[in-house]
Amino acid sequence: MPVYTVHAPSPAGADLRATDKFVFVRDGFYFWAMVFGPFWLLWNRLWLALIGWVIFLAAFDAGLHSLGVGRSSIFLANIIVALLMGFEASSLRRWTLSRGKWRQLDIVVGDDEDTAERRFFERWSQKQHGIVNDQWAVDRGGPPPTRHTPGQQFSNPPPIPAGGIIGLFPEPGGSR
């Protein structure tokens, strides 16, 4: 099933009147971004990504041409760059949204965007009304636990076994 990230404009936050501005970005391969890279970037208003793509591709082709690489090899290299564009298109959309002061609200799984929207808004409306479903709870606060922070879950080192050796050979110098 496809995974979608949900983004909202920062000033709107979790305002009910701003739900029509929420953006759902599907994670995965974008075929049309691969086939029509610059046009896809224009259509989705990814201006900086478009400028970077044009500069990168021009420099890449010029570099390959100056190295004396043949036209067919340059064409194959451009196909690989187009594949990369298809794989990274969703990351470029998320990056552009984060630069525009949008914040990621949630991650939703759904067969298509309509299903993902329905699931998100059902869960979101439950949160708005104070209904908490622990099945969907995601802890997004604080950094992950570390071994050297007092009071954290992993602050004490794990106990060493009675023999003092960890691994496949319980005795030092034992047979292998």
Protein backbone atom coordinates (compact mmCIF):
# COMPACT_ATOMS: atom_id res chain seq x y z
CA MET A 1 0.00 0.00 0.00
CA PRO A 2 1.22 3.50 -0.74
CA VAL A 3 2.36 5.70 2.12
CA TYR A 4 1.43 9.40 2.18
CA THR A 5 2.84 12.23 4.23
CA VAL A 6 0.42 14.98 5.22
CA HIS A 7 1.63 18.58 5.20
CA ALA A 8 -0.06 21.78 6.39
CA PRO A 9 0.94 25.43 6.20
CA SER A 10 2.59 26.44 9.48
CA PRO A 11 0.44 29.47 10.35
CA ALA A 12 -2.71 27.42 9.82
CA GLY A 13 -1.38 24.56 11.93
CA ALA A 14 -4.24 22.31 12.86
CA ASP A 15 -7.00 24.81 12.10
CA LEU A 16 -10.21 23.27 10.77
CA ARG A 17 -10.64 26.08 8.24
CA ALA A 18 -7.29 25.26 6.60
CA THR A 19 -7.97 21.59 5.83
CA ASP A 20 -8.47 22.35 2.14
CA LYS A 21 -4.83 23.49 2.01
CA PHE A 22 -3.42 20.21 3.35
CA VAL A 23 -1.12 18.44 0.90
CA PHE A 24 -0.77 14.66 0.66
CA VAL A 25 2.54 13.52 -0.85
CA ARG A 26 2.73 9.89 -1.95
CA ASP A 27 6.00 8.16 -1.23
CA GLY A 28 7.24 6.10 -4.14
CA PHE A 29 8.14 6.22 -7.80
CA TYR A 30 6.61 8.96 -9.98
CA PHE A 31 6.48 7.77 -13.59
CA TRP A 32 5.57 11.17 -15.04
CA ALA A 33 8.45 12.81 -13.17
CA MET A 34 10.78 10.35 -14.85
CA VAL A 35 9.34 10.83 -18.36
CA PHE A 36 8.71 14.59 -18.26
CA GLY A 37 11.15 15.72 -15.55
CA PRO A 38 11.25 19.51 -16.07
CA PHE A 39 7.56 19.74 -16.98
CA TRP A 40 6.62 17.72 -13.89
CA LEU A 41 8.72 20.08 -11.76
CA LEU A 42 6.98 23.09 -13.36
CA TRP A 43 3.52 21.54 -12.88
CA ASN A 44 4.22 20.98 -9.16
CA ARG A 45 5.84 24.43 -8.75
CA LEU A 46 9.19 23.07 -7.62
CA TRP A 47 11.15 26.07 -8.88
CA LEU A 48 14.44 25.53 -7.02
CA ALA A 49 14.42 21.85 -7.88
CA LEU A 50 13.85 22.77 -11.54
CA ILE A 51 16.75 25.21 -11.56
CA GLY A 52 18.97 22.63 -9.86
CA TRP A 53 17.88 19.93 -12.32
CA VAL A 54 18.63 22.12 -15.36
CA ILE A 55 22.04 23.18 -14.01
CA PHE A 56 22.95 19.63 -12.98
CA LEU A 57 21.90 18.07 -16.28
CA ALA A 58 23.70 20.74 -18.34
CA ALA A 59 26.90 20.34 -16.30
CA PHE A 60 26.59 16.55 -16.35
CA ASP A 61 26.17 16.40 -20.13
CA ALA A 62 28.94 18.95 -20.71
CA GLY A 63 31.27 16.99 -18.42
CA LEU A 64 30.56 13.72 -20.19
CA HIS A 65 30.97 15.37 -23.58
CA SER A 66 34.31 16.94 -22.56
CA LEU A 67 35.51 13.51 -21.43
CA GLY A 68 34.85 12.21 -24.93
CA VAL A 69 31.96 9.94 -24.00
CA GLY A 70 29.83 8.87 -26.96
CA ARG A 71 26.28 10.05 -27.59
CA SER A 72 24.72 6.69 -26.81
CA SER A 73 26.52 6.57 -23.44
CA ILE A 74 25.38 10.12 -22.65
CA PHE A 75 21.83 9.09 -23.56
CA LEU A 76 22.02 6.10 -21.20
CA ALA A 77 23.42 8.34 -18.45
CA ASN A 78 20.49 10.72 -18.98
CA ILE A 79 18.08 7.80 -18.65
CA ILE A 80 19.68 6.97 -15.30
CA VAL A 81 19.27 10.61 -14.22
CA ALA A 82 15.61 10.45 -15.31
CA LEU A 83 15.13 7.30 -13.22
CA LEU A 84 16.67 9.10 -10.28
CA MET A 85 14.19 11.94 -10.81
CA GLY A 86 11.31 9.45 -10.72
CA PHE A 87 12.54 7.90 -7.49
CA GLU A 88 13.29 11.20 -5.74
CA ALA A 89 10.29 13.25 -6.90
CA SER A 90 8.38 12.81 -3.63
CA SER A 91 11.47 13.82 -1.65
CA LEU A 92 11.76 16.96 -3.76
CA ARG A 93 8.12 17.83 -3.05
CA ARG A 94 8.60 17.30 0.69
CA TRP A 95 11.80 19.36 0.65
CA THR A 96 10.06 22.22 -1.18
CA LEU A 97 7.17 22.15 1.29
CA SER A 98 9.53 22.22 4.26
CA ARG A 99 11.37 25.21 2.74
CA GLY A 100 8.02 26.96 2.40
CA LYS A 101 7.40 26.68 6.15
CA TRP A 102 4.98 23.80 5.84
CA ARG A 103 5.02 21.22 8.59
CA GLN A 104 4.43 17.52 8.37
CA LEU A 105 1.36 16.54 10.36
CA ASP A 106 1.19 12.80 9.90
CA ILE A 107 1.97 9.72 7.86
CA VAL A 108 -0.98 7.80 6.41
CA VAL A 109 -1.26 4.50 4.54
CA GLY A 110 -3.97 4.10 1.92
CA ASP A 111 -4.72 2.47 -1.44
CA ASP A 112 -5.07 5.87 -3.10
CA GLU A 113 -5.03 9.53 -2.10
CA ASP A 114 -8.77 9.62 -1.35
CA THR A 115 -8.48 6.68 1.05
CA ALA A 116 -5.44 8.27 2.69
CA GLU A 117 -7.33 11.55 3.13
CA ARG A 118 -10.31 9.76 4.65
CA ARG A 119 -8.11 7.84 7.09
CA PHE A 120 -6.16 10.95 8.05
CA PHE A 121 -9.24 13.09 8.67
CA GLU A 122 -10.98 10.33 10.65
CA ARG A 123 -7.96 10.02 12.93
CA TRP A 124 -7.42 13.78 13.03
CA SER A 125 -11.04 14.51 13.96
CA GLN A 126 -10.80 11.97 16.81
CA LYS A 127 -7.74 13.81 18.11
CA GLN A 128 -9.56 17.14 17.81
CA HIS A 129 -12.44 15.80 19.92
CA GLY A 130 -10.14 14.33 22.54
CA ILE A 131 -10.56 10.70 21.50
CA VAL A 132 -7.17 9.05 21.58
CA ASN A 133 -6.64 5.73 19.86
CA ASP A 134 -3.37 4.19 21.06
CA GLN A 135 -3.21 2.02 17.95
CA TRP A 136 -2.30 5.09 15.88
CA ALA A 137 -0.26 6.95 18.50
CA VAL A 138 3.18 7.98 17.34
CA ASP A 139 5.68 9.45 19.79
CA ARG A 140 7.23 12.40 17.97
CA GLY A 141 8.60 14.14 21.04
CA GLY A 142 12.20 14.30 22.12
CA PRO A 143 15.25 12.56 20.80
CA PRO A 144 15.62 8.78 20.83
CA PRO A 145 17.06 7.26 24.00
CA THR A 146 20.83 7.15 24.31
CA ARG A 147 23.17 5.17 26.52
CA HIS A 148 24.90 8.11 28.18
CA THR A 149 21.92 10.21 29.27
CA PRO A 150 20.87 9.68 32.91
CA GLY A 151 17.25 8.67 33.34
CA GLN A 152 16.93 7.36 29.80
CA GLN A 153 15.87 3.84 29.04
CA PHE A 154 19.36 2.81 27.91
CA SER A 155 21.43 4.80 30.40
CA ASN A 156 22.76 1.69 32.19
CA PRO A 157 24.99 -0.70 30.25
CA PRO A 158 23.58 -4.19 29.67
CA PRO A 159 24.68 -6.83 32.16
CA ILE A 160 27.66 -9.00 31.18
CA PRO A 161 27.09 -12.76 31.44
CA ALA A 162 28.64 -14.63 34.38
CA GLY A 163 31.50 -16.01 32.26
CA GLY A 164 32.45 -12.54 31.04
CA ILE A 165 32.51 -13.61 27.39
CA ILE A 166 29.84 -12.66 24.88
CA GLY A 167 29.56 -14.48 21.58
CA LEU A 168 29.90 -17.93 20.13
CA PHE A 169 32.93 -18.99 22.18
CA PRO A 170 32.10 -19.02 25.91
CA GLU A 171 35.67 -19.74 27.01
CA PRO A 172 38.71 -17.68 26.07
CA GLY A 173 40.92 -19.70 23.74
CA GLY A 174 38.29 -22.43 23.45
CA SER A 175 37.94 -24.69 20.44
CA ARG A 176 36.28 -23.30 17.37
